[in-house]
Amino acid sequence: MKDPAYGTLKKKIVFYDSDKRYADLKIRLEYDGLSQAKFFRGILTGYLLQDPDILNFVDKMKAEKHKNSSIKKRNKKSRALISEGTEALNRLLLDEDEIENIFDILEKEETSI
């Protein structure tokens, strides 16, 4: 019998916090109509996919922990690199009209053969 493929096993992520903060979290989640699982998975996904809003918050957390300028400079440089990469990716991606034009050209080529 083969082992399950990497990425399919479930792992538990656990941490402790105060009872007050737990109660406050439950109240906020109820108010926003979110489950704990959906909330934490959403935050984790945003972090892993480098969502700019999540990364801005992480930068604030890092700046609070490390009150020196080298962290701020590194954060700024990292954010600039991510922004440049996103812009480059967007320049390379085709929009719906461009894709439609390509298919039209291919169709014309195919009918002329």
PDB file of N, CA and C in Angstrom:
ATOM      1  N   MET A   1       0.837  -1.181   0.000  1.00  0.00           N
ATOM      2  CA  MET A   1       0.000   0.000   0.000  1.00  0.00           C
ATOM      3  C   MET A   1       0.881   1.242   0.000  1.00  0.00           C
ATOM      4  N   LYS A   2       0.558   2.193  -0.884  1.00  0.00           N
ATOM      5  CA  LYS A   2       1.364   3.410  -1.013  1.00  0.00           C
ATOM      6  C   LYS A   2       0.996   4.423   0.058  1.00  0.00           C
ATOM      7  N   ASP A   3       2.001   5.229   0.413  1.00  0.00           N
ATOM      8  CA  ASP A   3       1.756   6.345   1.330  1.00  0.00           C
ATOM      9  C   ASP A   3       0.955   7.418   0.601  1.00  0.00           C
ATOM     10  N   PRO A   4       0.126   8.162   1.314  1.00  0.00           N
ATOM     11  CA  PRO A   4      -0.621   9.248   0.661  1.00  0.00           C
ATOM     12  C   PRO A   4       0.340  10.269   0.054  1.00  0.00           C
ATOM     13  N   ALA A   5      -0.097  10.912  -1.001  1.00  0.00           N
ATOM     14  CA  ALA A   5       0.727  11.918  -1.668  1.00  0.00           C
ATOM     15  C   ALA A   5       0.937  13.117  -0.746  1.00  0.00           C
ATOM     16  N   TYR A   6       2.118  13.711  -0.892  1.00  0.00           N
ATOM     17  CA  TYR A   6       2.443  14.903  -0.114  1.00  0.00           C
ATOM     18  C   TYR A   6       1.389  15.973  -0.364  1.00  0.00           C
ATOM     19  N   GLY A   7       0.964  16.634   0.683  1.00  0.00           N
ATOM     20  CA  GLY A   7      -0.013  17.702   0.557  1.00  0.00           C
ATOM     21  C   GLY A   7      -1.445  17.261   0.786  1.00  0.00           C
ATOM     22  N   THR A   8      -1.642  15.962   0.987  1.00  0.00           N
ATOM     23  CA  THR A   8      -3.011  15.482   1.213  1.00  0.00           C
ATOM     24  C   THR A   8      -3.266  15.112   2.669  1.00  0.00           C
ATOM     25  N   LEU A   9      -2.208  14.992   3.460  1.00  0.00           N
ATOM     26  CA  LEU A   9      -2.387  14.656   4.871  1.00  0.00           C
ATOM     27  C   LEU A   9      -2.861  15.876   5.652  1.00  0.00           C
ATOM     28  N   LYS A  10      -3.714  15.680   6.604  1.00  0.00           N
ATOM     29  CA  LYS A  10      -4.208  16.760   7.456  1.00  0.00           C
ATOM     30  C   LYS A  10      -3.240  16.952   8.622  1.00  0.00           C
ATOM     31  N   LYS A  11      -2.926  18.181   8.919  1.00  0.00           N
ATOM     32  CA  LYS A  11      -2.073  18.531  10.055  1.00  0.00           C
ATOM     33  C   LYS A  11      -2.811  19.507  10.944  1.00  0.00           C
ATOM     34  N   LYS A  12      -2.614  19.372  12.237  1.00  0.00           N
ATOM     35  CA  LYS A  12      -3.280  20.236  13.206  1.00  0.00           C
ATOM     36  C   LYS A  12      -2.341  21.369  13.585  1.00  0.00           C
ATOM     37  N   ILE A  13      -2.871  22.577  13.590  1.00  0.00           N
ATOM     38  CA  ILE A  13      -2.117  23.759  14.007  1.00  0.00           C
ATOM     39  C   ILE A  13      -2.751  24.237  15.305  1.00  0.00           C
ATOM     40  N   VAL A  14      -1.961  24.282  16.367  1.00  0.00           N
ATOM     41  CA  VAL A  14      -2.495  24.608  17.688  1.00  0.00           C
ATOM     42  C   VAL A  14      -1.634  25.679  18.342  1.00  0.00           C
ATOM     43  N   PHE A  15      -2.288  26.602  19.028  1.00  0.00           N
ATOM     44  CA  PHE A  15      -1.582  27.556  19.868  1.00  0.00           C
ATOM     45  C   PHE A  15      -2.506  27.951  21.007  1.00  0.00           C
ATOM     46  N   TYR A  16      -1.930  28.520  22.024  1.00  0.00           N
ATOM     47  CA  TYR A  16      -2.690  28.902  23.212  1.00  0.00           C
ATOM     48  C   TYR A  16      -2.765  30.411  23.327  1.00  0.00           C
ATOM     49  N   ASP A  17      -3.891  30.867  23.892  1.00  0.00           N
ATOM     50  CA  ASP A  17      -4.083  32.284  24.165  1.00  0.00           C
ATOM     51  C   ASP A  17      -4.986  32.395  25.384  1.00  0.00           C
ATOM     52  N   SER A  18      -5.241  33.592  25.838  1.00  0.00           N
ATOM     53  CA  SER A  18      -6.042  33.770  27.050  1.00  0.00           C
ATOM     54  C   SER A  18      -7.516  33.456  26.785  1.00  0.00           C
ATOM     55  N   ASP A  19      -8.232  33.161  27.856  1.00  0.00           N
ATOM     56  CA  ASP A  19      -9.661  32.870  27.731  1.00  0.00           C
ATOM     57  C   ASP A  19     -10.435  34.104  27.248  1.00  0.00           C
ATOM     58  N   LYS A  20     -10.003  35.298  27.655  1.00  0.00           N
ATOM     59  CA  LYS A  20     -10.678  36.522  27.209  1.00  0.00           C
ATOM     60  C   LYS A  20     -10.514  36.711  25.713  1.00  0.00           C
ATOM     61  N   ARG A  21      -9.293  36.556  25.226  1.00  0.00           N
ATOM     62  CA  ARG A  21      -9.070  36.736  23.786  1.00  0.00           C
ATOM     63  C   ARG A  21      -9.814  35.660  22.987  1.00  0.00           C
ATOM     64  N   TYR A  22      -9.883  34.457  23.524  1.00  0.00           N
ATOM     65  CA  TYR A  22     -10.641  33.392  22.863  1.00  0.00           C
ATOM     66  C   TYR A  22     -12.119  33.777  22.774  1.00  0.00           C
ATOM     67  N   ALA A  23     -12.677  34.273  23.871  1.00  0.00           N
ATOM     68  CA  ALA A  23     -14.081  34.689  23.868  1.00  0.00           C
ATOM     69  C   ALA A  23     -14.295  35.856  22.901  1.00  0.00           C
ATOM     70  N   ASP A  24     -13.378  36.819  22.907  1.00  0.00           N
ATOM     71  CA  ASP A  24     -13.475  37.951  21.978  1.00  0.00           C
ATOM     72  C   ASP A  24     -13.423  37.479  20.529  1.00  0.00           C
ATOM     73  N   LEU A  25     -12.552  36.518  20.264  1.00  0.00           N
ATOM     74  CA  LEU A  25     -12.452  35.955  18.914  1.00  0.00           C
ATOM     75  C   LEU A  25     -13.762  35.302  18.501  1.00  0.00           C
ATOM     76  N   LYS A  26     -14.315  34.483  19.381  1.00  0.00           N
ATOM     77  CA  LYS A  26     -15.567  33.792  19.065  1.00  0.00           C
ATOM     78  C   LYS A  26     -16.692  34.801  18.792  1.00  0.00           C
ATOM     79  N   ILE A  27     -16.743  35.873  19.569  1.00  0.00           N
ATOM     80  CA  ILE A  27     -17.770  36.901  19.383  1.00  0.00           C
ATOM     81  C   ILE A  27     -17.592  37.586  18.029  1.00  0.00           C
ATOM     82  N   ARG A  28     -16.352  37.969  17.701  1.00  0.00           N
ATOM     83  CA  ARG A  28     -16.077  38.640  16.416  1.00  0.00           C
ATOM     84  C   ARG A  28     -16.395  37.717  15.243  1.00  0.00           C
ATOM     85  N   LEU A  29     -15.999  36.449  15.364  1.00  0.00           N
ATOM     86  CA  LEU A  29     -16.262  35.503  14.282  1.00  0.00           C
ATOM     87  C   LEU A  29     -17.767  35.311  14.077  1.00  0.00           C
ATOM     88  N   GLU A  30     -18.505  35.224  15.169  1.00  0.00           N
ATOM     89  CA  GLU A  30     -19.962  35.085  15.085  1.00  0.00           C
ATOM     90  C   GLU A  30     -20.557  36.317  14.409  1.00  0.00           C
ATOM     91  N   TYR A  31     -20.087  37.488  14.805  1.00  0.00           N
ATOM     92  CA  TYR A  31     -20.566  38.737  14.223  1.00  0.00           C
ATOM     93  C   TYR A  31     -20.301  38.784  12.719  1.00  0.00           C
ATOM     94  N   ASP A  32     -19.116  38.318  12.311  1.00  0.00           N
ATOM     95  CA  ASP A  32     -18.734  38.345  10.901  1.00  0.00           C
ATOM     96  C   ASP A  32     -19.227  37.128  10.125  1.00  0.00           C
ATOM     97  N   GLY A  33     -19.849  36.182  10.819  1.00  0.00           N
ATOM     98  CA  GLY A  33     -20.387  34.999  10.145  1.00  0.00           C
ATOM     99  C   GLY A  33     -19.322  34.035   9.660  1.00  0.00           C
ATOM    100  N   LEU A  34     -18.233  33.940  10.414  1.00  0.00           N
ATOM    101  CA  LEU A  34     -17.126  33.058  10.032  1.00  0.00           C
ATOM    102  C   LEU A  34     -16.909  31.990  11.099  1.00  0.00           C
ATOM    103  N   SER A  35     -16.479  30.824  10.668  1.00  0.00           N
ATOM    104  CA  SER A  35     -16.049  29.804  11.620  1.00  0.00           C
ATOM    105  C   SER A  35     -14.570  30.033  11.912  1.00  0.00           C
ATOM    106  N   GLN A  36     -14.091  29.453  13.007  1.00  0.00           N
ATOM    107  CA  GLN A  36     -12.667  29.558  13.328  1.00  0.00           C
ATOM    108  C   GLN A  36     -11.831  28.976  12.200  1.00  0.00           C
ATOM    109  N   ALA A  37     -12.239  27.814  11.710  1.00  0.00           N
ATOM    110  CA  ALA A  37     -11.476  27.140  10.657  1.00  0.00           C
ATOM    111  C   ALA A  37     -11.401  28.007   9.404  1.00  0.00           C
ATOM    112  N   LYS A  38     -12.527  28.562   8.985  1.00  0.00           N
ATOM    113  CA  LYS A  38     -12.543  29.390   7.779  1.00  0.00           C
ATOM    114  C   LYS A  38     -11.659  30.626   7.967  1.00  0.00           C
ATOM    115  N   PHE A  39     -11.741  31.235   9.142  1.00  0.00           N
ATOM    116  CA  PHE A  39     -10.936  32.419   9.421  1.00  0.00           C
ATOM    117  C   PHE A  39      -9.438  32.101   9.348  1.00  0.00           C
ATOM    118  N   PHE A  40      -9.005  31.097  10.105  1.00  0.00           N
ATOM    119  CA  PHE A  40      -7.572  30.806  10.152  1.00  0.00           C
ATOM    120  C   PHE A  40      -7.057  30.264   8.826  1.00  0.00           C
ATOM    121  N   ARG A  41      -7.852  29.460   8.132  1.00  0.00           N
ATOM    122  CA  ARG A  41      -7.421  28.989   6.811  1.00  0.00           C
ATOM    123  C   ARG A  41      -7.313  30.154   5.829  1.00  0.00           C
ATOM    124  N   GLY A  42      -8.253  31.099   5.925  1.00  0.00           N
ATOM    125  CA  GLY A  42      -8.198  32.273   5.058  1.00  0.00           C
ATOM    126  C   GLY A  42      -6.969  33.123   5.305  1.00  0.00           C
ATOM    127  N   ILE A  43      -6.667  33.359   6.566  1.00  0.00           N
ATOM    128  CA  ILE A  43      -5.469  34.129   6.915  1.00  0.00           C
ATOM    129  C   ILE A  43      -4.213  33.395   6.442  1.00  0.00           C
ATOM    130  N   LEU A  44      -4.155  32.094   6.673  1.00  0.00           N
ATOM    131  CA  LEU A  44      -3.008  31.289   6.255  1.00  0.00           C
ATOM    132  C   LEU A  44      -2.842  31.316   4.732  1.00  0.00           C
ATOM    133  N   THR A  45      -3.949  31.178   4.020  1.00  0.00           N
ATOM    134  CA  THR A  45      -3.886  31.221   2.560  1.00  0.00           C
ATOM    135  C   THR A  45      -3.379  32.575   2.078  1.00  0.00           C
ATOM    136  N   GLY A  46      -3.901  33.649   2.651  1.00  0.00           N
ATOM    137  CA  GLY A  46      -3.443  34.988   2.277  1.00  0.00           C
ATOM    138  C   GLY A  46      -1.961  35.178   2.535  1.00  0.00           C
ATOM    139  N   TYR A  47      -1.489  34.656   3.650  1.00  0.00           N
ATOM    140  CA  TYR A  47      -0.061  34.760   3.996  1.00  0.00           C
ATOM    141  C   TYR A  47       0.792  33.965   3.007  1.00  0.00           C
ATOM    142  N   LEU A  48       0.386  32.733   2.735  1.00  0.00           N
ATOM    143  CA  LEU A  48       1.168  31.884   1.836  1.00  0.00           C
ATOM    144  C   LEU A  48       1.146  32.383   0.400  1.00  0.00           C
ATOM    145  N   LEU A  49       0.038  32.981  -0.020  1.00  0.00           N
ATOM    146  CA  LEU A  49      -0.075  33.507  -1.385  1.00  0.00           C
ATOM    147  C   LEU A  49       0.415  34.948  -1.481  1.00  0.00           C
ATOM    148  N   GLN A  50       0.940  35.460  -0.393  1.00  0.00           N
ATOM    149  CA  GLN A  50       1.513  36.800  -0.309  1.00  0.00           C
ATOM    150  C   GLN A  50       0.507  37.892  -0.657  1.00  0.00           C
ATOM    151  N   ASP A  51      -0.694  37.778  -0.082  1.00  0.00           N
ATOM    152  CA  ASP A  51      -1.708  38.816  -0.240  1.00  0.00           C
ATOM    153  C   ASP A  51      -1.153  40.110   0.353  1.00  0.00           C
ATOM    154  N   PRO A  52      -1.166  41.196  -0.415  1.00  0.00           N
ATOM    155  CA  PRO A  52      -0.571  42.450   0.070  1.00  0.00           C
ATOM    156  C   PRO A  52      -1.167  42.946   1.387  1.00  0.00           C
ATOM    157  N   ASP A  53      -2.477  42.777   1.586  1.00  0.00           N
ATOM    158  CA  ASP A  53      -3.088  43.222   2.830  1.00  0.00           C
ATOM    159  C   ASP A  53      -2.554  42.439   4.024  1.00  0.00           C
ATOM    160  N   ILE A  54      -2.437  41.143   3.878  1.00  0.00           N
ATOM    161  CA  ILE A  54      -1.913  40.302   4.955  1.00  0.00           C
ATOM    162  C   ILE A  54      -0.438  40.632   5.188  1.00  0.00           C
ATOM    163  N   LEU A  55       0.316  40.793   4.109  1.00  0.00           N
ATOM    164  CA  LEU A  55       1.748  41.086   4.254  1.00  0.00           C
ATOM    165  C   LEU A  55       1.984  42.439   4.920  1.00  0.00           C
ATOM    166  N   ASN A  56       1.122  43.408   4.656  1.00  0.00           N
ATOM    167  CA  ASN A  56       1.248  44.702   5.341  1.00  0.00           C
ATOM    168  C   ASN A  56       1.070  44.527   6.838  1.00  0.00           C
ATOM    169  N   PHE A  57       0.106  43.715   7.229  1.00  0.00           N
ATOM    170  CA  PHE A  57      -0.111  43.453   8.648  1.00  0.00           C
ATOM    171  C   PHE A  57       1.088  42.711   9.252  1.00  0.00           C
ATOM    172  N   VAL A  58       1.622  41.735   8.532  1.00  0.00           N
ATOM    173  CA  VAL A  58       2.790  40.991   9.015  1.00  0.00           C
ATOM    174  C   VAL A  58       3.980  41.933   9.171  1.00  0.00           C
ATOM    175  N   ASP A  59       4.133  42.859   8.231  1.00  0.00           N
ATOM    176  CA  ASP A  59       5.215  43.843   8.340  1.00  0.00           C
ATOM    177  C   ASP A  59       5.075  44.677   9.612  1.00  0.00           C
ATOM    178  N   LYS A  60       3.846  45.068   9.948  1.00  0.00           N
ATOM    179  CA  LYS A  60       3.618  45.812  11.189  1.00  0.00           C
ATOM    180  C   LYS A  60       4.015  44.977  12.395  1.00  0.00           C
ATOM    181  N   MET A  61       3.658  43.697  12.373  1.00  0.00           N
ATOM    182  CA  MET A  61       4.020  42.816  13.482  1.00  0.00           C
ATOM    183  C   MET A  61       5.537  42.691  13.601  1.00  0.00           C
ATOM    184  N   LYS A  62       6.212  42.540  12.471  1.00  0.00           N
ATOM    185  CA  LYS A  62       7.671  42.410  12.503  1.00  0.00           C
ATOM    186  C   LYS A  62       8.319  43.694  12.999  1.00  0.00           C
ATOM    187  N   ALA A  63       7.774  44.835  12.584  1.00  0.00           N
ATOM    188  CA  ALA A  63       8.335  46.125  13.001  1.00  0.00           C
ATOM    189  C   ALA A  63       8.173  46.315  14.506  1.00  0.00           C
ATOM    190  N   GLU A  64       7.037  45.859  15.064  1.00  0.00           N
ATOM    191  CA  GLU A  64       6.840  45.968  16.506  1.00  0.00           C
ATOM    192  C   GLU A  64       7.826  45.086  17.261  1.00  0.00           C
ATOM    193  N   LYS A  65       8.093  43.910  16.726  1.00  0.00           N
ATOM    194  CA  LYS A  65       8.995  42.974  17.399  1.00  0.00           C
ATOM    195  C   LYS A  65      10.451  43.430  17.278  1.00  0.00           C
ATOM    196  N   HIS A  66      10.811  43.900  16.103  1.00  0.00           N
ATOM    197  CA  HIS A  66      12.191  44.327  15.839  1.00  0.00           C
ATOM    198  C   HIS A  66      12.188  45.819  15.569  1.00  0.00           C
ATOM    199  N   LYS A  67      12.462  46.579  16.567  1.00  0.00           N
ATOM    200  CA  LYS A  67      12.376  48.036  16.457  1.00  0.00           C
ATOM    201  C   LYS A  67      13.640  48.644  15.848  1.00  0.00           C
ATOM    202  N   ASN A  68      14.227  47.965  14.861  1.00  0.00           N
ATOM    203  CA  ASN A  68      15.395  48.564  14.225  1.00  0.00           C
ATOM    204  C   ASN A  68      15.132  48.810  12.745  1.00  0.00           C
ATOM    205  N   SER A  69      15.914  49.665  12.145  1.00  0.00           N
ATOM    206  CA  SER A  69      15.665  50.107  10.780  1.00  0.00           C
ATOM    207  C   SER A  69      16.006  49.051   9.741  1.00  0.00           C
ATOM    208  N   SER A  70      16.882  48.091  10.043  1.00  0.00           N
ATOM    209  CA  SER A  70      17.244  47.093   9.034  1.00  0.00           C
ATOM    210  C   SER A  70      16.038  46.238   8.664  1.00  0.00           C
ATOM    211  N   ILE A  71      15.173  45.931   9.622  1.00  0.00           N
ATOM    212  CA  ILE A  71      13.956  45.165   9.336  1.00  0.00           C
ATOM    213  C   ILE A  71      13.030  45.988   8.440  1.00  0.00           C
ATOM    214  N   LYS A  72      12.887  47.267   8.745  1.00  0.00           N
ATOM    215  CA  LYS A  72      12.016  48.128   7.951  1.00  0.00           C
ATOM    216  C   LYS A  72      12.529  48.243   6.520  1.00  0.00           C
ATOM    217  N   LYS A  73      13.844  48.373   6.365  1.00  0.00           N
ATOM    218  CA  LYS A  73      14.431  48.450   5.029  1.00  0.00           C
ATOM    219  C   LYS A  73      14.217  47.148   4.271  1.00  0.00           C
ATOM    220  N   ARG A  74      14.405  46.023   4.950  1.00  0.00           N
ATOM    221  CA  ARG A  74      14.218  44.719   4.319  1.00  0.00           C
ATOM    222  C   ARG A  74      12.753  44.520   3.932  1.00  0.00           C
ATOM    223  N   ASN A  75      11.827  44.933   4.801  1.00  0.00           N
ATOM    224  CA  ASN A  75      10.399  44.837   4.491  1.00  0.00           C
ATOM    225  C   ASN A  75      10.049  45.674   3.266  1.00  0.00           C
ATOM    226  N   LYS A  76      10.588  46.878   3.223  1.00  0.00           N
ATOM    227  CA  LYS A  76      10.307  47.773   2.105  1.00  0.00           C
ATOM    228  C   LYS A  76      10.848  47.182   0.803  1.00  0.00           C
ATOM    229  N   LYS A  77      12.066  46.639   0.854  1.00  0.00           N
ATOM    230  CA  LYS A  77      12.666  46.039  -0.328  1.00  0.00           C
ATOM    231  C   LYS A  77      11.879  44.800  -0.762  1.00  0.00           C
ATOM    232  N   SER A  78      11.492  43.979   0.202  1.00  0.00           N
ATOM    233  CA  SER A  78      10.719  42.786  -0.094  1.00  0.00           C
ATOM    234  C   SER A  78       9.392  43.155  -0.736  1.00  0.00           C
ATOM    235  N   ARG A  79       8.718  44.151  -0.194  1.00  0.00           N
ATOM    236  CA  ARG A  79       7.427  44.585  -0.730  1.00  0.00           C
ATOM    237  C   ARG A  79       7.595  45.121  -2.153  1.00  0.00           C
ATOM    238  N   ALA A  80       8.689  45.853  -2.395  1.00  0.00           N
ATOM    239  CA  ALA A  80       8.944  46.380  -3.738  1.00  0.00           C
ATOM    240  C   ALA A  80       9.163  45.235  -4.726  1.00  0.00           C
ATOM    241  N   LEU A  81       9.904  44.212  -4.313  1.00  0.00           N
ATOM    242  CA  LEU A  81      10.143  43.065  -5.191  1.00  0.00           C
ATOM    243  C   LEU A  81       8.845  42.323  -5.496  1.00  0.00           C
ATOM    244  N   ILE A  82       8.012  42.139  -4.495  1.00  0.00           N
ATOM    245  CA  ILE A  82       6.718  41.472  -4.710  1.00  0.00           C
ATOM    246  C   ILE A  82       5.869  42.296  -5.666  1.00  0.00           C
ATOM    247  N   SER A  83       5.852  43.605  -5.473  1.00  0.00           N
ATOM    248  CA  SER A  83       5.075  44.497  -6.336  1.00  0.00           C
ATOM    249  C   SER A  83       5.582  44.436  -7.775  1.00  0.00           C
ATOM    250  N   GLU A  84       6.901  44.465  -7.953  1.00  0.00           N
ATOM    251  CA  GLU A  84       7.486  44.376  -9.295  1.00  0.00           C
ATOM    252  C   GLU A  84       7.134  43.046  -9.949  1.00  0.00           C
ATOM    253  N   GLY A  85       7.185  41.974  -9.183  1.00  0.00           N
ATOM    254  CA  GLY A  85       6.835  40.656  -9.715  1.00  0.00           C
ATOM    255  C   GLY A  85       5.381  40.583 -10.128  1.00  0.00           C
ATOM    256  N   THR A  86       4.510  41.148  -9.322  1.00  0.00           N
ATOM    257  CA  THR A  86       3.083  41.157  -9.647  1.00  0.00           C
ATOM    258  C   THR A  86       2.822  41.969 -10.909  1.00  0.00           C
ATOM    259  N   GLU A  87       3.477  43.124 -11.019  1.00  0.00           N
ATOM    260  CA  GLU A  87       3.316  43.953 -12.206  1.00  0.00           C
ATOM    261  C   GLU A  87       3.826  43.234 -13.450  1.00  0.00           C
ATOM    262  N   ALA A  88       4.973  42.560 -13.339  1.00  0.00           N
ATOM    263  CA  ALA A  88       5.516  41.820 -14.478  1.00  0.00           C
ATOM    264  C   ALA A  88       4.573  40.693 -14.888  1.00  0.00           C
ATOM    265  N   LEU A  89       4.029  39.993 -13.918  1.00  0.00           N
ATOM    266  CA  LEU A  89       3.085  38.923 -14.206  1.00  0.00           C
ATOM    267  C   LEU A  89       1.848  39.473 -14.897  1.00  0.00           C
ATOM    268  N   ASN A  90       1.339  40.586 -14.412  1.00  0.00           N
ATOM    269  CA  ASN A  90       0.155  41.194 -15.027  1.00  0.00           C
ATOM    270  C   ASN A  90       0.428  41.648 -16.458  1.00  0.00           C
ATOM    271  N   ARG A  91       1.650  42.094 -16.735  1.00  0.00           N
ATOM    272  CA  ARG A  91       1.995  42.497 -18.108  1.00  0.00           C
ATOM    273  C   ARG A  91       2.021  41.284 -19.030  1.00  0.00           C
ATOM    274  N   LEU A  92       2.400  40.131 -18.504  1.00  0.00           N
ATOM    275  CA  LEU A  92       2.497  38.928 -19.320  1.00  0.00           C
ATOM    276  C   LEU A  92       1.156  38.228 -19.517  1.00  0.00           C
ATOM    277  N   LEU A  93       0.232  38.447 -18.608  1.00  0.00           N
ATOM    278  CA  LEU A  93      -1.066  37.788 -18.713  1.00  0.00           C
ATOM    279  C   LEU A  93      -1.907  38.432 -19.802  1.00  0.00           C
ATOM    280  N   LEU A  94      -2.661  37.617 -20.490  1.00  0.00           N
ATOM    281  CA  LEU A  94      -3.533  38.115 -21.541  1.00  0.00           C
ATOM    282  C   LEU A  94      -4.929  38.334 -20.984  1.00  0.00           C
ATOM    283  N   ASP A  95      -5.582  39.411 -21.459  1.00  0.00           N
ATOM    284  CA  ASP A  95      -6.966  39.615 -21.032  1.00  0.00           C
ATOM    285  C   ASP A  95      -7.898  38.858 -21.979  1.00  0.00           C
ATOM    286  N   GLU A  96      -9.196  38.890 -21.693  1.00  0.00           N
ATOM    287  CA  GLU A  96     -10.186  38.127 -22.459  1.00  0.00           C
ATOM    288  C   GLU A  96     -10.177  38.495 -23.947  1.00  0.00           C
ATOM    289  N   ASP A  97     -10.079  39.785 -24.265  1.00  0.00           N
ATOM    290  CA  ASP A  97     -10.082  40.225 -25.667  1.00  0.00           C
ATOM    291  C   ASP A  97      -8.869  39.714 -26.420  1.00  0.00           C
ATOM    292  N   GLU A  98      -7.699  39.749 -25.765  1.00  0.00           N
ATOM    293  CA  GLU A  98      -6.483  39.253 -26.411  1.00  0.00           C
ATOM    294  C   GLU A  98      -6.576  37.752 -26.675  1.00  0.00           C
ATOM    295  N   ILE A  99      -7.114  37.012 -25.727  1.00  0.00           N
ATOM    296  CA  ILE A  99      -7.283  35.569 -25.910  1.00  0.00           C
ATOM    297  C   ILE A  99      -8.257  35.303 -27.054  1.00  0.00           C
ATOM    298  N   GLU A 100      -9.352  36.047 -27.105  1.00  0.00           N
ATOM    299  CA  GLU A 100     -10.350  35.892 -28.176  1.00  0.00           C
ATOM    300  C   GLU A 100      -9.708  36.175 -29.528  1.00  0.00           C
ATOM    301  N   ASN A 101      -8.871  37.225 -29.601  1.00  0.00           N
ATOM    302  CA  ASN A 101      -8.189  37.559 -30.860  1.00  0.00           C
ATOM    303  C   ASN A 101      -7.269  36.431 -31.297  1.00  0.00           C
ATOM    304  N   ILE A 102      -6.570  35.820 -30.372  1.00  0.00           N
ATOM    305  CA  ILE A 102      -5.673  34.714 -30.708  1.00  0.00           C
ATOM    306  C   ILE A 102      -6.474  33.557 -31.283  1.00  0.00           C
ATOM    307  N   PHE A 103      -7.607  33.221 -30.646  1.00  0.00           N
ATOM    308  CA  PHE A 103      -8.442  32.137 -31.151  1.00  0.00           C
ATOM    309  C   PHE A 103      -9.017  32.473 -32.525  1.00  0.00           C
ATOM    310  N   ASP A 104      -9.374  33.737 -32.746  1.00  0.00           N
ATOM    311  CA  ASP A 104      -9.868  34.156 -34.060  1.00  0.00           C
ATOM    312  C   ASP A 104      -8.798  33.976 -35.125  1.00  0.00           C
ATOM    313  N   ILE A 105      -7.572  34.368 -34.805  1.00  0.00           N
ATOM    314  CA  ILE A 105      -6.456  34.222 -35.747  1.00  0.00           C
ATOM    315  C   ILE A 105      -6.214  32.746 -36.043  1.00  0.00           C
ATOM    316  N   LEU A 106      -6.204  31.915 -35.011  1.00  0.00           N
ATOM    317  CA  LEU A 106      -5.995  30.483 -35.214  1.00  0.00           C
ATOM    318  C   LEU A 106      -7.119  29.872 -36.059  1.00  0.00           C
ATOM    319  N   GLU A 107      -8.334  30.312 -35.817  1.00  0.00           N
ATOM    320  CA  GLU A 107      -9.467  29.796 -36.584  1.00  0.00           C
ATOM    321  C   GLU A 107      -9.347  30.191 -38.057  1.00  0.00           C
ATOM    322  N   LYS A 108      -8.936  31.429 -38.315  1.00  0.00           N
ATOM    323  CA  LYS A 108      -8.758  31.877 -39.703  1.00  0.00           C
ATOM    324  C   LYS A 108      -7.655  31.081 -40.393  1.00  0.00           C
ATOM    325  N   GLU A 109      -6.563  30.842 -39.662  1.00  0.00           N
ATOM    326  CA  GLU A 109      -5.455  30.063 -40.198  1.00  0.00           C
ATOM    327  C   GLU A 109      -5.909  28.640 -40.527  1.00  0.00           C
ATOM    328  N   GLU A 110      -6.697  28.055 -39.641  1.00  0.00           N
ATOM    329  CA  GLU A 110      -7.159  26.689 -39.811  1.00  0.00           C
ATOM    330  C   GLU A 110      -8.098  26.568 -41.015  1.00  0.00           C
ATOM    331  N   THR A 111      -8.953  27.562 -41.223  1.00  0.00           N
ATOM    332  CA  THR A 111      -9.896  27.508 -42.334  1.00  0.00           C
ATOM    333  C   THR A 111      -9.220  27.809 -43.659  1.00  0.00           C
ATOM    334  N   SER A 112      -8.083  28.486 -43.615  1.00  0.00           N
ATOM    335  CA  SER A 112      -7.392  28.807 -44.890  1.00  0.00           C
ATOM    336  C   SER A 112      -6.469  27.680 -45.337  1.00  0.00           C
ATOM    337  N   ILE A 113      -6.306  26.662 -44.508  1.00  0.00           N
ATOM    338  CA  ILE A 113      -5.411  25.536 -44.867  1.00  0.00           C
ATOM    339  C   ILE A 113      -6.117  24.575 -45.758  1.00  0.00           C
TER     340      ILE A 113
END
